[in-house]
Amino acid sequence: MRVYTIMSKNARAFRTTVGMSLERFDFLVRDVEKAYPEAERKRLDRPGRRRYTGVSKFVIEI
């Protein structure tokens, strides 16, 4: 989030780089943070999965 911290200080540069306003981006991030845990659980618990949940050490932290 270091880039976010730097870019959020200049709203015009943020909009040019990201393609949306800082307020809209923050709103989108809040929605994703709410929906992500359930989506990740569904992804890991899907039928036909070859590996057991927790076998890999790869974890995406939000």
Protein backbone atom coordinates (compact mmCIF):
# COMPACT_ATOMS: atom_id res chain seq x y z
CA MET A 1 0.00 0.00 0.00
CA ARG A 2 3.01 2.26 -0.12
CA VAL A 3 2.15 3.35 -3.67
CA TYR A 4 -1.41 4.09 -2.55
CA THR A 5 -0.12 6.27 0.27
CA ILE A 6 2.04 8.28 -2.11
CA MET A 7 -0.54 8.52 -4.91
CA SER A 8 -3.44 9.40 -2.60
CA LYS A 9 -1.76 12.67 -1.71
CA ASN A 10 -2.31 13.92 -5.26
CA ALA A 11 -5.90 13.30 -6.38
CA ARG A 12 -5.27 14.32 -9.97
CA ALA A 13 -2.28 12.00 -10.39
CA PHE A 14 -4.25 9.20 -8.71
CA ARG A 15 -7.17 9.63 -11.11
CA THR A 16 -4.85 9.73 -14.13
CA THR A 17 -3.00 6.59 -13.05
CA VAL A 18 -5.88 4.49 -11.73
CA GLY A 19 -8.72 5.79 -13.88
CA MET A 20 -11.10 6.59 -11.04
CA SER A 21 -11.37 9.07 -8.22
CA LEU A 22 -9.76 8.38 -4.88
CA GLU A 23 -13.18 8.29 -3.19
CA ARG A 24 -14.53 5.71 -5.65
CA PHE A 25 -11.38 3.60 -5.27
CA ASP A 26 -11.71 3.64 -1.47
CA PHE A 27 -15.35 2.58 -1.81
CA LEU A 28 -14.32 -0.28 -4.11
CA VAL A 29 -11.62 -1.42 -1.68
CA ARG A 30 -14.14 -1.53 1.18
CA ASP A 31 -16.47 -3.70 -0.94
CA VAL A 32 -13.66 -6.06 -1.90
CA GLU A 33 -12.46 -6.35 1.70
CA LYS A 34 -15.97 -7.39 2.75
CA ALA A 35 -16.48 -9.93 -0.05
CA TYR A 36 -12.96 -11.40 -0.24
CA PRO A 37 -12.99 -13.79 2.77
CA GLU A 38 -16.16 -15.56 1.60
CA ALA A 39 -14.93 -15.75 -2.00
CA GLU A 40 -11.60 -17.17 -0.85
CA ARG A 41 -13.35 -19.76 1.32
CA LYS A 42 -15.51 -20.84 -1.63
CA ARG A 43 -12.45 -21.03 -3.87
CA LEU A 44 -10.57 -23.22 -1.42
CA ASP A 45 -13.56 -25.46 -0.62
CA ARG A 46 -14.65 -26.10 -4.19
CA PRO A 47 -15.42 -29.68 -5.27
CA GLY A 48 -12.67 -31.42 -7.20
CA ARG A 49 -9.85 -29.48 -5.57
CA ARG A 50 -6.65 -31.55 -5.72
CA ARG A 51 -4.96 -30.14 -2.63
CA TYR A 52 -6.26 -29.84 0.88
CA THR A 53 -6.87 -26.38 2.26
CA GLY A 54 -3.77 -25.11 4.07
CA VAL A 55 -1.23 -27.28 2.20
CA SER A 56 0.32 -24.27 0.50
CA LYS A 57 1.96 -21.47 2.46
CA PHE A 58 0.77 -18.93 -0.12
CA VAL A 59 -1.71 -16.56 1.53
CA ILE A 60 -3.01 -13.26 0.23
CA GLU A 61 -3.29 -10.76 3.06
CA ILE A 62 -5.76 -7.91 2.69
